[in-house]
Structure formats: C-alpha cells, structure tokens
C-alpha cells in the first residue's frame, strides 16, 4: 500500500530520471512515479500541479549542474585540453542530454511556473551554446579545426558521438578513449 508521502528531492529526481529514460515524456505520469516512490499520487500533488511542473523543475536542476561543470572549461587555455574536459563532462551527463532534449515535447502551458522554467531552460541553453561556440572558435583559431565546417556541425558530431551505444561492451574508459580518438583523427588511416 502506498504511503502518504515521505520522499526526498533526491529520491524524487532519481525516480523521475529513471522513468523519463524508460518511458519518455509521453509515457511518464504521476501514477508511475508514485508507484516507484511507494507513495500516493496525492503526495506528489501536494508539491506539483502536474507532470510538466515536475519535469521542467527537474530539467532545470540538471541543466544547472551541467552548466556549473561546463563553465570550468575556461580553466583550460588550449583547445585539445578543453576537448578532453568537454568530452568528460558530456560522457558524465550523457543520459541527461536525452532528458533535456525532451523539453521540446512539453507543450506551451497556462501554468506560470512551467513557462518560467521553460524560459530559464532556454536561457541556459543559449548560455551553453555560447560556451561551446567559444570552444569551437578556439579550435579554429589554433588551426586544429577546419574553418569551412560550421560550428553547429562540429558540436553536433561531438554530442552525437557520445550518444552512440557501447554495444561492444568495452570498459567505459576504453570506450571514451575510442570516441576521443575518432573525434580527433576520424575513421581513415593516414596515407603515406
């Protein structure tokens, strides 16, 4: 029997993360979440009016954590060091990237808190792009990246490479090293 409702924010966010990854935005609902937390649905409605309020709050929390780490990229003066750091951060938050992309599925709302949080997420996304754009510009200024490739194309490849499933079941560090090698050198062997 579901209890009325003691849960921590950490418990709530872990369960939300798990269910969003398992069921997606459309399949996520308070019934599933209440069952996962072993609480009543009414306990959730004490804190959130609807799933969009919870999901956007959770997304904002994760985006802030990601941005705190991304801001540290400035500590590295050279592109290759920034690339290594960035890939580490992206790998660490690879599942969060999937969840944050669900923001586009959330419909416009009459709920002021949801709209406010969506605006904050949009602002954070713009801030993230500024950091990443500066990162790409550094690579181009150091003559390590081809000038003819648009910044968004390069960033897209970086983010999508990290999302490739490790079907080979290689150890995580070995998989990361292969991704870094692929991004740095491509798939062609060097010709002599």
C-alpha atoms as a PDB file:
ATOM      1  CA  UNK A   1       0.000   0.000   0.000  1.00  0.00           C
ATOM      2  CA  UNK A   2       1.343   3.411  -0.953  1.00  0.00           C
ATOM      3  CA  UNK A   3       2.226   5.668   1.925  1.00  0.00           C
ATOM      4  CA  UNK A   4       1.142   9.272   2.105  1.00  0.00           C
ATOM      5  CA  UNK A   5       4.420  10.660   1.453  1.00  0.00           C
ATOM      6  CA  UNK A   6       7.916  10.990   2.770  1.00  0.00           C
ATOM      7  CA  UNK A   7      10.422  11.350  -0.023  1.00  0.00           C
ATOM      8  CA  UNK A   8      13.474  13.483  -0.564  1.00  0.00           C
ATOM      9  CA  UNK A   9      14.082  15.684  -3.548  1.00  0.00           C
ATOM     10  CA  UNK A  10      16.985  13.390  -4.425  1.00  0.00           C
ATOM     11  CA  UNK A  11      14.648  10.366  -4.381  1.00  0.00           C
ATOM     12  CA  UNK A  12      12.136  12.269  -6.495  1.00  0.00           C
ATOM     13  CA  UNK A  13      14.715  13.338  -9.084  1.00  0.00           C
ATOM     14  CA  UNK A  14      16.310   9.875  -9.314  1.00  0.00           C
ATOM     15  CA  UNK A  15      12.909   8.290  -9.885  1.00  0.00           C
ATOM     16  CA  UNK A  16      11.943  10.988 -12.403  1.00  0.00           C
ATOM     17  CA  UNK A  17      15.212  10.439 -14.274  1.00  0.00           C
ATOM     18  CA  UNK A  18      14.709   6.671 -14.362  1.00  0.00           C
ATOM     19  CA  UNK A  19      11.108   6.869 -15.557  1.00  0.00           C
ATOM     20  CA  UNK A  20      11.806   9.515 -18.212  1.00  0.00           C
ATOM     21  CA  UNK A  21      14.601   7.386 -19.647  1.00  0.00           C
ATOM     22  CA  UNK A  22      12.442   4.273 -19.508  1.00  0.00           C
ATOM     23  CA  UNK A  23       9.094   5.678 -20.707  1.00  0.00           C
ATOM     24  CA  UNK A  24       9.886   9.018 -22.347  1.00  0.00           C
ATOM     25  CA  UNK A  25       7.960  12.223 -21.815  1.00  0.00           C
ATOM     26  CA  UNK A  26       4.671  10.909 -23.203  1.00  0.00           C
ATOM     27  CA  UNK A  27       4.749   7.744 -21.072  1.00  0.00           C
ATOM     28  CA  UNK A  28       5.693   9.491 -17.841  1.00  0.00           C
ATOM     29  CA  UNK A  29       2.864  10.116 -15.368  1.00  0.00           C
ATOM     30  CA  UNK A  30       2.384  10.598 -11.655  1.00  0.00           C
ATOM     31  CA  UNK A  31       0.933   7.107 -11.256  1.00  0.00           C
ATOM     32  CA  UNK A  32       4.234   5.552 -12.357  1.00  0.00           C
ATOM     33  CA  UNK A  33       6.225   7.943 -10.203  1.00  0.00           C
ATOM     34  CA  UNK A  34       4.075   7.333  -7.117  1.00  0.00           C
ATOM     35  CA  UNK A  35       4.474   3.576  -7.558  1.00  0.00           C
ATOM     36  CA  UNK A  36       8.254   3.903  -7.969  1.00  0.00           C
ATOM     37  CA  UNK A  37       8.498   6.014  -4.790  1.00  0.00           C
ATOM     38  CA  UNK A  38       5.930   3.872  -2.937  1.00  0.00           C
ATOM     39  CA  UNK A  39       3.790   6.890  -2.130  1.00  0.00           C
ATOM     40  CA  UNK A  40       0.314   8.043  -3.073  1.00  0.00           C
ATOM     41  CA  UNK A  41      -0.308  10.253  -6.090  1.00  0.00           C
ATOM     42  CA  UNK A  42      -1.832  12.780  -3.702  1.00  0.00           C
ATOM     43  CA  UNK A  43       1.586  13.161  -2.059  1.00  0.00           C
ATOM     44  CA  UNK A  44       3.007  14.340  -5.398  1.00  0.00           C
ATOM     45  CA  UNK A  45       0.135  16.737  -5.990  1.00  0.00           C
ATOM     46  CA  UNK A  46       0.982  18.470  -2.706  1.00  0.00           C
ATOM     47  CA  UNK A  47       4.149  19.763  -4.392  1.00  0.00           C
ATOM     48  CA  UNK A  48       3.389  19.818  -8.121  1.00  0.00           C
ATOM     49  CA  UNK A  49       0.260  20.750 -10.060  1.00  0.00           C
ATOM     50  CA  UNK A  50       1.136  18.459 -12.972  1.00  0.00           C
ATOM     51  CA  UNK A  51       3.908  16.419 -14.554  1.00  0.00           C
ATOM     52  CA  UNK A  52       5.173  19.356 -16.628  1.00  0.00           C
ATOM     53  CA  UNK A  53       5.879  21.364 -13.492  1.00  0.00           C
ATOM     54  CA  UNK A  54       7.910  18.479 -12.038  1.00  0.00           C
ATOM     55  CA  UNK A  55       9.713  17.608 -15.265  1.00  0.00           C
ATOM     56  CA  UNK A  56      10.714  21.196 -16.052  1.00  0.00           C
ATOM     57  CA  UNK A  57      11.917  21.709 -12.469  1.00  0.00           C
ATOM     58  CA  UNK A  58      13.976  18.529 -12.744  1.00  0.00           C
ATOM     59  CA  UNK A  59      15.373  19.606 -16.126  1.00  0.00           C
ATOM     60  CA  UNK A  60      16.354  22.983 -14.684  1.00  0.00           C
ATOM     61  CA  UNK A  61      18.146  21.251 -11.812  1.00  0.00           C
ATOM     62  CA  UNK A  62      20.103  19.015 -14.201  1.00  0.00           C
ATOM     63  CA  UNK A  63      20.889  21.864 -16.595  1.00  0.00           C
ATOM     64  CA  UNK A  64      22.285  23.944 -13.731  1.00  0.00           C
ATOM     65  CA  UNK A  65      24.522  21.053 -12.655  1.00  0.00           C
ATOM     66  CA  UNK A  66      25.729  20.577 -16.238  1.00  0.00           C
ATOM     67  CA  UNK A  67      26.374  24.310 -16.656  1.00  0.00           C
ATOM     68  CA  UNK A  68      28.395  24.509 -13.431  1.00  0.00           C
ATOM     69  CA  UNK A  69      30.731  21.889 -14.823  1.00  0.00           C
ATOM     70  CA  UNK A  70      30.752  23.303 -18.349  1.00  0.00           C
ATOM     71  CA  UNK A  71      31.799  26.741 -17.054  1.00  0.00           C
ATOM     72  CA  UNK A  72      35.035  25.157 -15.786  1.00  0.00           C
ATOM     73  CA  UNK A  73      36.108  24.649 -19.417  1.00  0.00           C
ATOM     74  CA  UNK A  74      37.569  28.162 -19.253  1.00  0.00           C
ATOM     75  CA  UNK A  75      40.299  26.877 -16.908  1.00  0.00           C
ATOM     76  CA  UNK A  76      41.932  25.130 -19.863  1.00  0.00           C
ATOM     77  CA  UNK A  77      43.749  27.525 -22.198  1.00  0.00           C
ATOM     78  CA  UNK A  78      44.148  25.168 -25.186  1.00  0.00           C
ATOM     79  CA  UNK A  79      41.563  23.539 -27.412  1.00  0.00           C
ATOM     80  CA  UNK A  80      42.735  19.935 -27.012  1.00  0.00           C
ATOM     81  CA  UNK A  81      42.621  20.236 -23.221  1.00  0.00           C
ATOM     82  CA  UNK A  82      39.146  21.776 -23.477  1.00  0.00           C
ATOM     83  CA  UNK A  83      38.062  18.927 -25.778  1.00  0.00           C
ATOM     84  CA  UNK A  84      39.195  16.310 -23.274  1.00  0.00           C
ATOM     85  CA  UNK A  85      37.416  18.156 -20.473  1.00  0.00           C
ATOM     86  CA  UNK A  86      34.246  18.684 -22.511  1.00  0.00           C
ATOM     87  CA  UNK A  87      34.031  15.029 -23.518  1.00  0.00           C
ATOM     88  CA  UNK A  88      34.409  14.014 -19.877  1.00  0.00           C
ATOM     89  CA  UNK A  89      31.515  16.289 -18.918  1.00  0.00           C
ATOM     90  CA  UNK A  90      29.360  15.112 -21.828  1.00  0.00           C
ATOM     91  CA  UNK A  91      30.026  11.451 -21.004  1.00  0.00           C
ATOM     92  CA  UNK A  92      29.185  12.108 -17.355  1.00  0.00           C
ATOM     93  CA  UNK A  93      25.868  13.716 -18.343  1.00  0.00           C
ATOM     94  CA  UNK A  94      25.083  11.622 -21.432  1.00  0.00           C
ATOM     95  CA  UNK A  95      21.735  10.381 -20.076  1.00  0.00           C
ATOM     96  CA  UNK A  96      20.781  13.903 -19.033  1.00  0.00           C
ATOM     97  CA  UNK A  97      21.254  15.039 -22.639  1.00  0.00           C
ATOM     98  CA  UNK A  98      18.451  12.622 -23.614  1.00  0.00           C
ATOM     99  CA  UNK A  99      16.169  14.013 -20.939  1.00  0.00           C
ATOM    100  CA  UNK A 100      16.909  17.659 -21.715  1.00  0.00           C
ATOM    101  CA  UNK A 101      16.027  17.046 -25.351  1.00  0.00           C
ATOM    102  CA  UNK A 102      12.508  16.169 -24.148  1.00  0.00           C
ATOM    103  CA  UNK A 103      11.961  19.857 -23.378  1.00  0.00           C
ATOM    104  CA  UNK A 104      10.751  20.265 -26.960  1.00  0.00           C
ATOM    105  CA  UNK A 105       7.900  17.816 -26.274  1.00  0.00           C
ATOM    106  CA  UNK A 106       6.469  19.900 -23.443  1.00  0.00           C
ATOM    107  CA  UNK A 107       3.535  21.883 -24.810  1.00  0.00           C
ATOM    108  CA  UNK A 108       3.042  25.592 -24.159  1.00  0.00           C
ATOM    109  CA  UNK A 109       1.251  25.903 -20.881  1.00  0.00           C
ATOM    110  CA  UNK A 110      -1.088  28.170 -18.957  1.00  0.00           C
ATOM    111  CA  UNK A 111       0.933  27.277 -15.885  1.00  0.00           C
ATOM    112  CA  UNK A 112       3.160  30.266 -14.981  1.00  0.00           C
ATOM    113  CA  UNK A 113       5.782  28.149 -13.151  1.00  0.00           C
ATOM    114  CA  UNK A 114       6.165  25.796 -16.135  1.00  0.00           C
ATOM    115  CA  UNK A 115       6.528  28.728 -18.543  1.00  0.00           C
ATOM    116  CA  UNK A 116       9.015  30.466 -16.268  1.00  0.00           C
ATOM    117  CA  UNK A 117      11.120  27.316 -16.009  1.00  0.00           C
ATOM    118  CA  UNK A 118      10.953  26.736 -19.780  1.00  0.00           C
ATOM    119  CA  UNK A 119      12.221  30.307 -20.289  1.00  0.00           C
ATOM    120  CA  UNK A 120      15.061  29.651 -17.831  1.00  0.00           C
ATOM    121  CA  UNK A 121      15.957  26.446 -19.679  1.00  0.00           C
ATOM    122  CA  UNK A 122      16.016  28.360 -22.951  1.00  0.00           C
ATOM    123  CA  UNK A 123      18.317  30.966 -21.387  1.00  0.00           C
ATOM    124  CA  UNK A 124      20.625  28.239 -20.037  1.00  0.00           C
ATOM    125  CA  UNK A 125      20.660  26.565 -23.450  1.00  0.00           C
ATOM    126  CA  UNK A 126      21.762  29.852 -25.034  1.00  0.00           C
ATOM    127  CA  UNK A 127      24.467  30.260 -22.400  1.00  0.00           C
ATOM    128  CA  UNK A 128      25.621  26.691 -23.060  1.00  0.00           C
ATOM    129  CA  UNK A 129      25.829  27.390 -26.777  1.00  0.00           C
ATOM    130  CA  UNK A 130      27.977  30.475 -26.076  1.00  0.00           C
ATOM    131  CA  UNK A 131      30.498  28.361 -24.129  1.00  0.00           C
ATOM    132  CA  UNK A 132      30.521  25.689 -26.810  1.00  0.00           C
ATOM    133  CA  UNK A 133      30.781  28.210 -29.638  1.00  0.00           C
ATOM    134  CA  UNK A 134      33.797  29.797 -27.903  1.00  0.00           C
ATOM    135  CA  UNK A 135      35.292  26.322 -27.572  1.00  0.00           C
ATOM    136  CA  UNK A 136      34.925  25.701 -31.331  1.00  0.00           C
ATOM    137  CA  UNK A 137      36.287  29.155 -32.163  1.00  0.00           C
ATOM    138  CA  UNK A 138      39.349  28.385 -30.034  1.00  0.00           C
ATOM    139  CA  UNK A 139      39.906  25.179 -32.034  1.00  0.00           C
ATOM    140  CA  UNK A 140      39.647  27.134 -35.270  1.00  0.00           C
ATOM    141  CA  UNK A 141      41.973  29.898 -34.056  1.00  0.00           C
ATOM    142  CA  UNK A 142      44.549  27.266 -33.040  1.00  0.00           C
ATOM    143  CA  UNK A 143      44.173  25.850 -36.575  1.00  0.00           C
ATOM    144  CA  UNK A 144      43.055  22.473 -35.251  1.00  0.00           C
ATOM    145  CA  UNK A 145      39.551  22.577 -36.740  1.00  0.00           C
ATOM    146  CA  UNK A 146      38.623  23.186 -40.354  1.00  0.00           C
ATOM    147  CA  UNK A 147      37.233  26.670 -40.872  1.00  0.00           C
ATOM    148  CA  UNK A 148      34.751  25.522 -43.524  1.00  0.00           C
ATOM    149  CA  UNK A 149      32.841  23.316 -41.076  1.00  0.00           C
ATOM    150  CA  UNK A 150      30.042  25.218 -39.350  1.00  0.00           C
ATOM    151  CA  UNK A 151      30.307  25.300 -35.558  1.00  0.00           C
ATOM    152  CA  UNK A 152      26.923  23.600 -35.134  1.00  0.00           C
ATOM    153  CA  UNK A 153      28.041  20.693 -37.341  1.00  0.00           C
ATOM    154  CA  UNK A 154      31.154  20.122 -35.228  1.00  0.00           C
ATOM    155  CA  UNK A 155      29.185  20.371 -31.987  1.00  0.00           C
ATOM    156  CA  UNK A 156      26.532  18.033 -33.357  1.00  0.00           C
ATOM    157  CA  UNK A 157      29.153  15.401 -34.124  1.00  0.00           C
ATOM    158  CA  UNK A 158      30.656  15.726 -30.658  1.00  0.00           C
ATOM    159  CA  UNK A 159      27.309  15.345 -28.902  1.00  0.00           C
ATOM    160  CA  UNK A 160      26.045  12.556 -31.164  1.00  0.00           C
ATOM    161  CA  UNK A 161      29.298  10.589 -30.933  1.00  0.00           C
ATOM    162  CA  UNK A 162      28.886  10.447 -27.176  1.00  0.00           C
ATOM    163  CA  UNK A 163      25.357   9.055 -27.631  1.00  0.00           C
ATOM    164  CA  UNK A 164      26.490   6.051 -29.684  1.00  0.00           C
ATOM    165  CA  UNK A 165      25.634   2.926 -27.659  1.00  0.00           C
ATOM    166  CA  UNK A 166      28.553   0.794 -26.481  1.00  0.00           C
ATOM    167  CA  UNK A 167      27.278  -2.472 -27.980  1.00  0.00           C
ATOM    168  CA  UNK A 168      30.797  -3.897 -27.810  1.00  0.00           C
ATOM    169  CA  UNK A 169      30.552  -3.683 -24.003  1.00  0.00           C
ATOM    170  CA  UNK A 170      34.055  -2.216 -23.802  1.00  0.00           C
ATOM    171  CA  UNK A 171      35.144  -0.815 -20.441  1.00  0.00           C
ATOM    172  CA  UNK A 172      33.904   2.764 -20.084  1.00  0.00           C
ATOM    173  CA  UNK A 173      37.345   4.401 -20.210  1.00  0.00           C
ATOM    174  CA  UNK A 174      38.364   2.385 -23.273  1.00  0.00           C
ATOM    175  CA  UNK A 175      35.098   3.390 -24.993  1.00  0.00           C
ATOM    176  CA  UNK A 176      35.703   7.064 -24.141  1.00  0.00           C
ATOM    177  CA  UNK A 177      39.256   6.856 -25.476  1.00  0.00           C
ATOM    178  CA  UNK A 178      37.989   5.412 -28.778  1.00  0.00           C
ATOM    179  CA  UNK A 179      35.425   8.228 -29.056  1.00  0.00           C
ATOM    180  CA  UNK A 180      38.125  10.831 -28.423  1.00  0.00           C
ATOM    181  CA  UNK A 181      40.419   9.184 -30.964  1.00  0.00           C
ATOM    182  CA  UNK A 182      37.619   9.072 -33.523  1.00  0.00           C
ATOM    183  CA  UNK A 183      36.754  12.742 -32.998  1.00  0.00           C
ATOM    184  CA  UNK A 184      40.391  13.792 -33.227  1.00  0.00           C
ATOM    185  CA  UNK A 185      41.515  11.642 -36.139  1.00  0.00           C
ATOM    186  CA  UNK A 186      38.445  10.318 -37.953  1.00  0.00           C
ATOM    187  CA  UNK A 187      37.981   6.821 -39.329  1.00  0.00           C
ATOM    188  CA  UNK A 188      40.522   6.888 -42.166  1.00  0.00           C
ATOM    189  CA  UNK A 189      44.037   5.561 -41.782  1.00  0.00           C
ATOM    190  CA  UNK A 190      46.781   8.029 -42.550  1.00  0.00           C
ATOM    191  CA  UNK A 191      48.250   7.555 -46.009  1.00  0.00           C
ATOM    192  CA  UNK A 192      51.946   7.810 -46.534  1.00  0.00           C
END
